[in-house]
Amino acid sequence: MSTVDEFVAERAPTWTELEQLVHRAGSRPARLGAVGVRRLGTTYRATSADLAIARRQFPGHPLVGRLEALVQRGRVAVYHTARRGGTVRHDAVAWGYAR
């Protein structure tokens, strides 16, 4: 990839898929079903890797900000947990993960 345009042309379909999956999942990734949740994880990891590449190869380009925002939305969808007590510690105890 020598130019940002080539990078975008090659990688944009994955970013678009991640955007669509995040939108469909909303606050409940389970809405996507098993295949969709796996695809959410795959596209999130690929987009995170693309963000790292963009930061290194195209620092200061608006694409970096776009990917940062997309990765943040993807992170929320991938790592979403129901908040019952409002803290990770409380959730871990409530769900039996911390002993």
PDB file of N, CA and C in Angstrom:
ATOM      1  N   MET A   1       0.840  -1.180   0.000  1.00  0.00           N
ATOM      2  CA  MET A   1       0.000   0.000   0.000  1.00  0.00           C
ATOM      3  C   MET A   1       0.885   1.243   0.000  1.00  0.00           C
ATOM      4  N   SER A   2       0.862   1.926  -1.076  1.00  0.00           N
ATOM      5  CA  SER A   2       1.699   3.109  -1.123  1.00  0.00           C
ATOM      6  C   SER A   2       0.917   4.391  -0.873  1.00  0.00           C
ATOM      7  N   THR A   3      -0.395   4.355  -1.084  1.00  0.00           N
ATOM      8  CA  THR A   3      -1.183   5.572  -0.862  1.00  0.00           C
ATOM      9  C   THR A   3      -2.373   5.282   0.044  1.00  0.00           C
ATOM     10  N   VAL A   4      -2.871   6.345   0.633  1.00  0.00           N
ATOM     11  CA  VAL A   4      -4.052   6.205   1.485  1.00  0.00           C
ATOM     12  C   VAL A   4      -5.251   5.739   0.666  1.00  0.00           C
ATOM     13  N   ASP A   5      -5.346   6.190  -0.577  1.00  0.00           N
ATOM     14  CA  ASP A   5      -6.470   5.778  -1.425  1.00  0.00           C
ATOM     15  C   ASP A   5      -6.455   4.275  -1.695  1.00  0.00           C
ATOM     16  N   GLU A   6      -5.277   3.719  -1.923  1.00  0.00           N
ATOM     17  CA  GLU A   6      -5.169   2.275  -2.135  1.00  0.00           C
ATOM     18  C   GLU A   6      -5.532   1.512  -0.858  1.00  0.00           C
ATOM     19  N   PHE A   7      -5.078   2.023   0.275  1.00  0.00           N
ATOM     20  CA  PHE A   7      -5.388   1.406   1.563  1.00  0.00           C
ATOM     21  C   PHE A   7      -6.896   1.391   1.796  1.00  0.00           C
ATOM     22  N   VAL A   8      -7.536   2.524   1.565  1.00  0.00           N
ATOM     23  CA  VAL A   8      -8.983   2.623   1.757  1.00  0.00           C
ATOM     24  C   VAL A   8      -9.709   1.690   0.792  1.00  0.00           C
ATOM     25  N   ALA A   9      -9.309   1.692  -0.463  1.00  0.00           N
ATOM     26  CA  ALA A   9      -9.978   0.842  -1.451  1.00  0.00           C
ATOM     27  C   ALA A   9      -9.894  -0.632  -1.066  1.00  0.00           C
ATOM     28  N   GLU A  10      -8.753  -1.034  -0.524  1.00  0.00           N
ATOM     29  CA  GLU A  10      -8.566  -2.440  -0.159  1.00  0.00           C
ATOM     30  C   GLU A  10      -9.310  -2.821   1.122  1.00  0.00           C
ATOM     31  N   ARG A  11      -9.356  -1.922   2.089  1.00  0.00           N
ATOM     32  CA  ARG A  11      -9.862  -2.270   3.427  1.00  0.00           C
ATOM     33  C   ARG A  11     -11.280  -1.804   3.730  1.00  0.00           C
ATOM     34  N   ALA A  12     -11.796  -0.865   2.982  1.00  0.00           N
ATOM     35  CA  ALA A  12     -13.102  -0.266   3.285  1.00  0.00           C
ATOM     36  C   ALA A  12     -14.251  -1.269   3.403  1.00  0.00           C
ATOM     37  N   PRO A  13     -14.290  -2.337   2.606  1.00  0.00           N
ATOM     38  CA  PRO A  13     -15.413  -3.268   2.770  1.00  0.00           C
ATOM     39  C   PRO A  13     -15.503  -3.861   4.181  1.00  0.00           C
ATOM     40  N   THR A  14     -14.378  -4.140   4.802  1.00  0.00           N
ATOM     41  CA  THR A  14     -14.394  -4.657   6.172  1.00  0.00           C
ATOM     42  C   THR A  14     -14.901  -3.604   7.136  1.00  0.00           C
ATOM     43  N   TRP A  15     -14.498  -2.358   6.939  1.00  0.00           N
ATOM     44  CA  TRP A  15     -14.950  -1.269   7.821  1.00  0.00           C
ATOM     45  C   TRP A  15     -16.456  -1.069   7.697  1.00  0.00           C
ATOM     46  N   THR A  16     -16.945  -1.156   6.471  1.00  0.00           N
ATOM     47  CA  THR A  16     -18.384  -1.010   6.245  1.00  0.00           C
ATOM     48  C   THR A  16     -19.138  -2.150   6.917  1.00  0.00           C
ATOM     49  N   GLU A  17     -18.606  -3.351   6.813  1.00  0.00           N
ATOM     50  CA  GLU A  17     -19.255  -4.498   7.464  1.00  0.00           C
ATOM     51  C   GLU A  17     -19.282  -4.312   8.979  1.00  0.00           C
ATOM     52  N   LEU A  18     -18.174  -3.839   9.557  1.00  0.00           N
ATOM     53  CA  LEU A  18     -18.148  -3.598  10.999  1.00  0.00           C
ATOM     54  C   LEU A  18     -19.196  -2.546  11.379  1.00  0.00           C
ATOM     55  N   GLU A  19     -19.280  -1.465  10.618  1.00  0.00           N
ATOM     56  CA  GLU A  19     -20.281  -0.432  10.903  1.00  0.00           C
ATOM     57  C   GLU A  19     -21.687  -1.020  10.897  1.00  0.00           C
ATOM     58  N   GLN A  20     -21.978  -1.858   9.917  1.00  0.00           N
ATOM     59  CA  GLN A  20     -23.302  -2.468   9.809  1.00  0.00           C
ATOM     60  C   GLN A  20     -23.579  -3.414  10.978  1.00  0.00           C
ATOM     61  N   LEU A  21     -22.594  -4.212  11.347  1.00  0.00           N
ATOM     62  CA  LEU A  21     -22.774  -5.137  12.463  1.00  0.00           C
ATOM     63  C   LEU A  21     -22.983  -4.388  13.775  1.00  0.00           C
ATOM     64  N   VAL A  22     -22.208  -3.345  14.000  1.00  0.00           N
ATOM     65  CA  VAL A  22     -22.358  -2.548  15.218  1.00  0.00           C
ATOM     66  C   VAL A  22     -23.755  -1.931  15.258  1.00  0.00           C
ATOM     67  N   HIS A  23     -24.206  -1.424  14.132  1.00  0.00           N
ATOM     68  CA  HIS A  23     -25.543  -0.822  14.069  1.00  0.00           C
ATOM     69  C   HIS A  23     -26.625  -1.863  14.361  1.00  0.00           C
ATOM     70  N   ARG A  24     -26.506  -3.035  13.736  1.00  0.00           N
ATOM     71  CA  ARG A  24     -27.504  -4.090  13.956  1.00  0.00           C
ATOM     72  C   ARG A  24     -27.491  -4.602  15.385  1.00  0.00           C
ATOM     73  N   ALA A  25     -26.315  -4.681  15.973  1.00  0.00           N
ATOM     74  CA  ALA A  25     -26.201  -5.204  17.335  1.00  0.00           C
ATOM     75  C   ALA A  25     -26.801  -4.247  18.348  1.00  0.00           C
ATOM     76  N   GLY A  26     -26.659  -2.954  18.116  1.00  0.00           N
ATOM     77  CA  GLY A  26     -27.138  -1.983  19.093  1.00  0.00           C
ATOM     78  C   GLY A  26     -26.487  -2.246  20.432  1.00  0.00           C
ATOM     79  N   SER A  27     -27.273  -2.318  21.465  1.00  0.00           N
ATOM     80  CA  SER A  27     -26.734  -2.569  22.806  1.00  0.00           C
ATOM     81  C   SER A  27     -26.748  -4.053  23.155  1.00  0.00           C
ATOM     82  N   ARG A  28     -27.134  -4.892  22.190  1.00  0.00           N
ATOM     83  CA  ARG A  28     -27.221  -6.337  22.455  1.00  0.00           C
ATOM     84  C   ARG A  28     -26.577  -7.134  21.320  1.00  0.00           C
ATOM     85  N   PRO A  29     -25.283  -7.415  21.419  1.00  0.00           N
ATOM     86  CA  PRO A  29     -24.608  -8.169  20.359  1.00  0.00           C
ATOM     87  C   PRO A  29     -25.261  -9.519  20.067  1.00  0.00           C
ATOM     88  N   ALA A  30     -25.955 -10.106  21.042  1.00  0.00           N
ATOM     89  CA  ALA A  30     -26.607 -11.399  20.823  1.00  0.00           C
ATOM     90  C   ALA A  30     -27.638 -11.329  19.697  1.00  0.00           C
ATOM     91  N   ARG A  31     -28.101 -10.134  19.379  1.00  0.00           N
ATOM     92  CA  ARG A  31     -29.049  -9.971  18.265  1.00  0.00           C
ATOM     93  C   ARG A  31     -28.470 -10.481  16.952  1.00  0.00           C
ATOM     94  N   LEU A  32     -27.152 -10.535  16.876  1.00  0.00           N
ATOM     95  CA  LEU A  32     -26.492 -10.928  15.634  1.00  0.00           C
ATOM     96  C   LEU A  32     -26.466 -12.431  15.422  1.00  0.00           C
ATOM     97  N   GLY A  33     -26.753 -13.192  16.473  1.00  0.00           N
ATOM     98  CA  GLY A  33     -26.633 -14.638  16.383  1.00  0.00           C
ATOM     99  C   GLY A  33     -25.173 -15.045  16.461  1.00  0.00           C
ATOM    100  N   ALA A  34     -24.933 -16.338  16.524  1.00  0.00           N
ATOM    101  CA  ALA A  34     -23.574 -16.844  16.717  1.00  0.00           C
ATOM    102  C   ALA A  34     -22.650 -16.450  15.566  1.00  0.00           C
ATOM    103  N   VAL A  35     -23.110 -16.625  14.345  1.00  0.00           N
ATOM    104  CA  VAL A  35     -22.282 -16.290  13.190  1.00  0.00           C
ATOM    105  C   VAL A  35     -21.997 -14.795  13.156  1.00  0.00           C
ATOM    106  N   GLY A  36     -22.997 -13.991  13.439  1.00  0.00           N
ATOM    107  CA  GLY A  36     -22.829 -12.539  13.431  1.00  0.00           C
ATOM    108  C   GLY A  36     -21.884 -12.060  14.515  1.00  0.00           C
ATOM    109  N   VAL A  37     -21.949 -12.665  15.693  1.00  0.00           N
ATOM    110  CA  VAL A  37     -21.058 -12.279  16.782  1.00  0.00           C
ATOM    111  C   VAL A  37     -19.617 -12.622  16.420  1.00  0.00           C
ATOM    112  N   ARG A  38     -19.416 -13.791  15.817  1.00  0.00           N
ATOM    113  CA  ARG A  38     -18.056 -14.144  15.372  1.00  0.00           C
ATOM    114  C   ARG A  38     -17.566 -13.178  14.307  1.00  0.00           C
ATOM    115  N   ARG A  39     -18.453 -12.806  13.409  1.00  0.00           N
ATOM    116  CA  ARG A  39     -18.079 -11.871  12.345  1.00  0.00           C
ATOM    117  C   ARG A  39     -17.784 -10.486  12.936  1.00  0.00           C
ATOM    118  N   LEU A  40     -18.544 -10.096  13.952  1.00  0.00           N
ATOM    119  CA  LEU A  40     -18.286  -8.836  14.650  1.00  0.00           C
ATOM    120  C   LEU A  40     -16.867  -8.839  15.215  1.00  0.00           C
ATOM    121  N   GLY A  41     -16.482  -9.916  15.860  1.00  0.00           N
ATOM    122  CA  GLY A  41     -15.132 -10.025  16.414  1.00  0.00           C
ATOM    123  C   GLY A  41     -14.062  -9.984  15.336  1.00  0.00           C
ATOM    124  N   THR A  42     -14.300 -10.679  14.244  1.00  0.00           N
ATOM    125  CA  THR A  42     -13.330 -10.723  13.149  1.00  0.00           C
ATOM    126  C   THR A  42     -13.142  -9.349  12.517  1.00  0.00           C
ATOM    127  N   THR A  43     -14.246  -8.675  12.227  1.00  0.00           N
ATOM    128  CA  THR A  43     -14.135  -7.354  11.589  1.00  0.00           C
ATOM    129  C   THR A  43     -13.585  -6.313  12.564  1.00  0.00           C
ATOM    130  N   TYR A  44     -13.882  -6.457  13.850  1.00  0.00           N
ATOM    131  CA  TYR A  44     -13.331  -5.546  14.853  1.00  0.00           C
ATOM    132  C   TYR A  44     -11.805  -5.695  14.919  1.00  0.00           C
ATOM    133  N   ARG A  45     -11.321  -6.929  14.969  1.00  0.00           N
ATOM    134  CA  ARG A  45      -9.872  -7.151  15.036  1.00  0.00           C
ATOM    135  C   ARG A  45      -9.182  -6.640  13.770  1.00  0.00           C
ATOM    136  N   ALA A  46      -9.779  -6.886  12.619  1.00  0.00           N
ATOM    137  CA  ALA A  46      -9.184  -6.431  11.358  1.00  0.00           C
ATOM    138  C   ALA A  46      -9.141  -4.907  11.300  1.00  0.00           C
ATOM    139  N   THR A  47     -10.213  -4.272  11.743  1.00  0.00           N
ATOM    140  CA  THR A  47     -10.261  -2.810  11.723  1.00  0.00           C
ATOM    141  C   THR A  47      -9.292  -2.215  12.738  1.00  0.00           C
ATOM    142  N   SER A  48      -9.145  -2.861  13.883  1.00  0.00           N
ATOM    143  CA  SER A  48      -8.157  -2.410  14.870  1.00  0.00           C
ATOM    144  C   SER A  48      -6.748  -2.481  14.292  1.00  0.00           C
ATOM    145  N   ALA A  49      -6.455  -3.549  13.568  1.00  0.00           N
ATOM    146  CA  ALA A  49      -5.146  -3.681  12.921  1.00  0.00           C
ATOM    147  C   ALA A  49      -4.967  -2.597  11.854  1.00  0.00           C
ATOM    148  N   ASP A  50      -6.031  -2.326  11.107  1.00  0.00           N
ATOM    149  CA  ASP A  50      -5.963  -1.275  10.090  1.00  0.00           C
ATOM    150  C   ASP A  50      -5.721   0.092  10.729  1.00  0.00           C
ATOM    151  N   LEU A  51      -6.314   0.316  11.895  1.00  0.00           N
ATOM    152  CA  LEU A  51      -6.079   1.571  12.607  1.00  0.00           C
ATOM    153  C   LEU A  51      -4.600   1.711  12.958  1.00  0.00           C
ATOM    154  N   ALA A  52      -3.995   0.637  13.433  1.00  0.00           N
ATOM    155  CA  ALA A  52      -2.570   0.678  13.771  1.00  0.00           C
ATOM    156  C   ALA A  52      -1.729   1.001  12.534  1.00  0.00           C
ATOM    157  N   ILE A  53      -2.070   0.390  11.416  1.00  0.00           N
ATOM    158  CA  ILE A  53      -1.350   0.664  10.166  1.00  0.00           C
ATOM    159  C   ILE A  53      -1.545   2.115   9.755  1.00  0.00           C
ATOM    160  N   ALA A  54      -2.779   2.589   9.800  1.00  0.00           N
ATOM    161  CA  ALA A  54      -3.074   3.971   9.392  1.00  0.00           C
ATOM    162  C   ALA A  54      -2.341   4.970  10.278  1.00  0.00           C
ATOM    163  N   ARG A  55      -2.296   4.705  11.577  1.00  0.00           N
ATOM    164  CA  ARG A  55      -1.573   5.611  12.478  1.00  0.00           C
ATOM    165  C   ARG A  55      -0.095   5.694  12.106  1.00  0.00           C
ATOM    166  N   ARG A  56       0.473   4.572  11.711  1.00  0.00           N
ATOM    167  CA  ARG A  56       1.893   4.536  11.377  1.00  0.00           C
ATOM    168  C   ARG A  56       2.157   5.121   9.987  1.00  0.00           C
ATOM    169  N   GLN A  57       1.357   4.749   8.998  1.00  0.00           N
ATOM    170  CA  GLN A  57       1.637   5.136   7.622  1.00  0.00           C
ATOM    171  C   GLN A  57       1.039   6.475   7.201  1.00  0.00           C
ATOM    172  N   PHE A  58      -0.068   6.870   7.873  1.00  0.00           N
ATOM    173  CA  PHE A  58      -0.756   8.088   7.458  1.00  0.00           C
ATOM    174  C   PHE A  58      -1.067   8.990   8.650  1.00  0.00           C
ATOM    175  N   PRO A  59      -0.076   9.294   9.493  1.00  0.00           N
ATOM    176  CA  PRO A  59      -0.351  10.100  10.691  1.00  0.00           C
ATOM    177  C   PRO A  59      -0.927  11.466  10.300  1.00  0.00           C
ATOM    178  N   GLY A  60      -1.931  11.871  11.053  1.00  0.00           N
ATOM    179  CA  GLY A  60      -2.552  13.167  10.789  1.00  0.00           C
ATOM    180  C   GLY A  60      -3.615  13.155   9.708  1.00  0.00           C
ATOM    181  N   HIS A  61      -3.764  12.060   8.999  1.00  0.00           N
ATOM    182  CA  HIS A  61      -4.793  11.981   7.943  1.00  0.00           C
ATOM    183  C   HIS A  61      -6.156  11.783   8.602  1.00  0.00           C
ATOM    184  N   PRO A  62      -7.205  12.388   8.053  1.00  0.00           N
ATOM    185  CA  PRO A  62      -8.555  12.225   8.628  1.00  0.00           C
ATOM    186  C   PRO A  62      -9.008  10.766   8.743  1.00  0.00           C
ATOM    187  N   LEU A  63      -8.450   9.884   7.936  1.00  0.00           N
ATOM    188  CA  LEU A  63      -8.799   8.469   8.021  1.00  0.00           C
ATOM    189  C   LEU A  63      -8.517   7.915   9.411  1.00  0.00           C
ATOM    190  N   VAL A  64      -7.450   8.375  10.040  1.00  0.00           N
ATOM    191  CA  VAL A  64      -7.095   7.874  11.371  1.00  0.00           C
ATOM    192  C   VAL A  64      -8.226   8.167  12.352  1.00  0.00           C
ATOM    193  N   GLY A  65      -8.749   9.372  12.339  1.00  0.00           N
ATOM    194  CA  GLY A  65      -9.862   9.727  13.221  1.00  0.00           C
ATOM    195  C   GLY A  65     -11.105   8.912  12.936  1.00  0.00           C
ATOM    196  N   ARG A  66     -11.372   8.679  11.663  1.00  0.00           N
ATOM    197  CA  ARG A  66     -12.543   7.869  11.283  1.00  0.00           C
ATOM    198  C   ARG A  66     -12.404   6.451  11.826  1.00  0.00           C
ATOM    199  N   LEU A  67     -11.214   5.875  11.667  1.00  0.00           N
ATOM    200  CA  LEU A  67     -11.005   4.517  12.158  1.00  0.00           C
ATOM    201  C   LEU A  67     -11.005   4.460  13.679  1.00  0.00           C
ATOM    202  N   GLU A  68     -10.471   5.483  14.335  1.00  0.00           N
ATOM    203  CA  GLU A  68     -10.511   5.516  15.801  1.00  0.00           C
ATOM    204  C   GLU A  68     -11.953   5.480  16.302  1.00  0.00           C
ATOM    205  N   ALA A  69     -12.808   6.272  15.672  1.00  0.00           N
ATOM    206  CA  ALA A  69     -14.218   6.300  16.075  1.00  0.00           C
ATOM    207  C   ALA A  69     -14.893   4.951  15.820  1.00  0.00           C
ATOM    208  N   LEU A  70     -14.603   4.343  14.681  1.00  0.00           N
ATOM    209  CA  LEU A  70     -15.199   3.052  14.349  1.00  0.00           C
ATOM    210  C   LEU A  70     -14.712   1.969  15.301  1.00  0.00           C
ATOM    211  N   VAL A  71     -13.431   1.953  15.596  1.00  0.00           N
ATOM    212  CA  VAL A  71     -12.889   0.954  16.522  1.00  0.00           C
ATOM    213  C   VAL A  71     -13.487   1.144  17.912  1.00  0.00           C
ATOM    214  N   GLN A  72     -13.686   2.378  18.330  1.00  0.00           N
ATOM    215  CA  GLN A  72     -14.315   2.629  19.636  1.00  0.00           C
ATOM    216  C   GLN A  72     -15.736   2.070  19.672  1.00  0.00           C
ATOM    217  N   ARG A  73     -16.514   2.316  18.623  1.00  0.00           N
ATOM    218  CA  ARG A  73     -17.878   1.766  18.572  1.00  0.00           C
ATOM    219  C   ARG A  73     -17.842   0.244  18.530  1.00  0.00           C
ATOM    220  N   GLY A  74     -16.891  -0.300  17.778  1.00  0.00           N
ATOM    221  CA  GLY A  74     -16.740  -1.747  17.717  1.00  0.00           C
ATOM    222  C   GLY A  74     -16.356  -2.337  19.059  1.00  0.00           C
ATOM    223  N   ARG A  75     -15.474  -1.649  19.784  1.00  0.00           N
ATOM    224  CA  ARG A  75     -15.045  -2.126  21.108  1.00  0.00           C
ATOM    225  C   ARG A  75     -16.229  -2.204  22.053  1.00  0.00           C
ATOM    226  N   VAL A  76     -17.078  -1.196  22.015  1.00  0.00           N
ATOM    227  CA  VAL A  76     -18.260  -1.192  22.876  1.00  0.00           C
ATOM    228  C   VAL A  76     -19.154  -2.382  22.534  1.00  0.00           C
ATOM    229  N   ALA A  77     -19.331  -2.659  21.250  1.00  0.00           N
ATOM    230  CA  ALA A  77     -20.183  -3.777  20.849  1.00  0.00           C
ATOM    231  C   ALA A  77     -19.557  -5.123  21.211  1.00  0.00           C
ATOM    232  N   VAL A  78     -18.259  -5.271  20.985  1.00  0.00           N
ATOM    233  CA  VAL A  78     -17.586  -6.544  21.241  1.00  0.00           C
ATOM    234  C   VAL A  78     -17.492  -6.837  22.726  1.00  0.00           C
ATOM    235  N   TYR A  79     -17.144  -5.830  23.505  1.00  0.00           N
ATOM    236  CA  TYR A  79     -16.910  -6.045  24.930  1.00  0.00           C
ATOM    237  C   TYR A  79     -18.067  -5.581  25.800  1.00  0.00           C
ATOM    238  N   HIS A  80     -19.230  -5.410  25.210  1.00  0.00           N
ATOM    239  CA  HIS A  80     -20.402  -4.949  25.947  1.00  0.00           C
ATOM    240  C   HIS A  80     -20.741  -5.913  27.076  1.00  0.00           C
ATOM    241  N   THR A  81     -20.983  -5.346  28.247  1.00  0.00           N
ATOM    242  CA  THR A  81     -21.475  -6.142  29.372  1.00  0.00           C
ATOM    243  C   THR A  81     -22.636  -5.401  29.996  1.00  0.00           C
ATOM    244  N   ALA A  82     -23.591  -6.148  30.460  1.00  0.00           N
ATOM    245  CA  ALA A  82     -24.730  -5.539  31.143  1.00  0.00           C
ATOM    246  C   ALA A  82     -24.244  -4.952  32.457  1.00  0.00           C
ATOM    247  N   ARG A  83     -24.611  -3.748  32.726  1.00  0.00           N
ATOM    248  CA  ARG A  83     -24.213  -3.082  33.967  1.00  0.00           C
ATOM    249  C   ARG A  83     -25.349  -3.174  34.971  1.00  0.00           C
ATOM    250  N   ARG A  84     -25.118  -3.922  36.016  1.00  0.00           N
ATOM    251  CA  ARG A  84     -26.131  -4.032  37.052  1.00  0.00           C
ATOM    252  C   ARG A  84     -25.774  -3.154  38.231  1.00  0.00           C
ATOM    253  N   GLY A  85     -24.514  -3.190  38.623  1.00  0.00           N
ATOM    254  CA  GLY A  85     -24.099  -2.418  39.782  1.00  0.00           C
ATOM    255  C   GLY A  85     -23.317  -1.185  39.405  1.00  0.00           C
ATOM    256  N   GLY A  86     -22.991  -1.059  38.133  1.00  0.00           N
ATOM    257  CA  GLY A  86     -22.307   0.124  37.684  1.00  0.00           C
ATOM    258  C   GLY A  86     -20.791   0.049  37.712  1.00  0.00           C
ATOM    259  N   THR A  87     -20.229  -1.038  38.210  1.00  0.00           N
ATOM    260  CA  THR A  87     -18.779  -1.167  38.206  1.00  0.00           C
ATOM    261  C   THR A  87     -18.394  -2.547  37.693  1.00  0.00           C
ATOM    262  N   VAL A  88     -17.213  -2.619  37.142  1.00  0.00           N
ATOM    263  CA  VAL A  88     -16.730  -3.910  36.660  1.00  0.00           C
ATOM    264  C   VAL A  88     -16.575  -4.876  37.833  1.00  0.00           C
ATOM    265  N   ARG A  89     -16.057  -4.388  38.948  1.00  0.00           N
ATOM    266  CA  ARG A  89     -15.864  -5.239  40.127  1.00  0.00           C
ATOM    267  C   ARG A  89     -17.202  -5.817  40.577  1.00  0.00           C
ATOM    268  N   HIS A  90     -18.225  -4.977  40.663  1.00  0.00           N
ATOM    269  CA  HIS A  90     -19.543  -5.452  41.079  1.00  0.00           C
ATOM    270  C   HIS A  90     -20.052  -6.511  40.109  1.00  0.00           C
ATOM    271  N   ASP A  91     -19.907  -6.265  38.809  1.00  0.00           N
ATOM    272  CA  ASP A  91     -20.372  -7.225  37.818  1.00  0.00           C
ATOM    273  C   ASP A  91     -19.631  -8.545  37.943  1.00  0.00           C
ATOM    274  N   ALA A  92     -18.332  -8.481  38.164  1.00  0.00           N
ATOM    275  CA  ALA A  92     -17.536  -9.697  38.288  1.00  0.00           C
ATOM    276  C   ALA A  92     -18.002 -10.526  39.483  1.00  0.00           C
ATOM    277  N   VAL A  93     -18.291  -9.871  40.566  1.00  0.00           N
ATOM    278  CA  VAL A  93     -18.766 -10.571  41.758  1.00  0.00           C
ATOM    279  C   VAL A  93     -20.177 -11.096  41.517  1.00  0.00           C
ATOM    280  N   ALA A  94     -21.035 -10.245  40.967  1.00  0.00           N
ATOM    281  CA  ALA A  94     -22.424 -10.628  40.742  1.00  0.00           C
ATOM    282  C   ALA A  94     -22.549 -11.823  39.803  1.00  0.00           C
ATOM    283  N   TRP A  95     -21.699 -11.889  38.815  1.00  0.00           N
ATOM    284  CA  TRP A  95     -21.772 -12.967  37.837  1.00  0.00           C
ATOM    285  C   TRP A  95     -20.890 -14.152  38.227  1.00  0.00           C
ATOM    286  N   GLY A  96     -20.192 -14.071  39.364  1.00  0.00           N
ATOM    287  CA  GLY A  96     -19.421 -15.200  39.845  1.00  0.00           C
ATOM    288  C   GLY A  96     -18.032 -15.337  39.260  1.00  0.00           C
ATOM    289  N   TYR A  97     -17.514 -14.284  38.600  1.00  0.00           N
ATOM    290  CA  TYR A  97     -16.185 -14.367  38.000  1.00  0.00           C
ATOM    291  C   TYR A  97     -15.084 -14.103  39.012  1.00  0.00           C
ATOM    292  N   ALA A  98     -15.364 -13.307  40.020  1.00  0.00           N
ATOM    293  CA  ALA A  98     -14.352 -12.999  41.044  1.00  0.00           C
ATOM    294  C   ALA A  98     -14.684 -13.786  42.303  1.00  0.00           C
ATOM    295  N   ARG A  99     -13.734 -14.473  42.800  1.00  0.00           N
ATOM    296  CA  ARG A  99     -13.970 -15.273  43.998  1.00  0.00           C
ATOM    297  C   ARG A  99     -12.955 -14.909  45.049  1.00  0.00           C
TER     298      ARG A  99
END
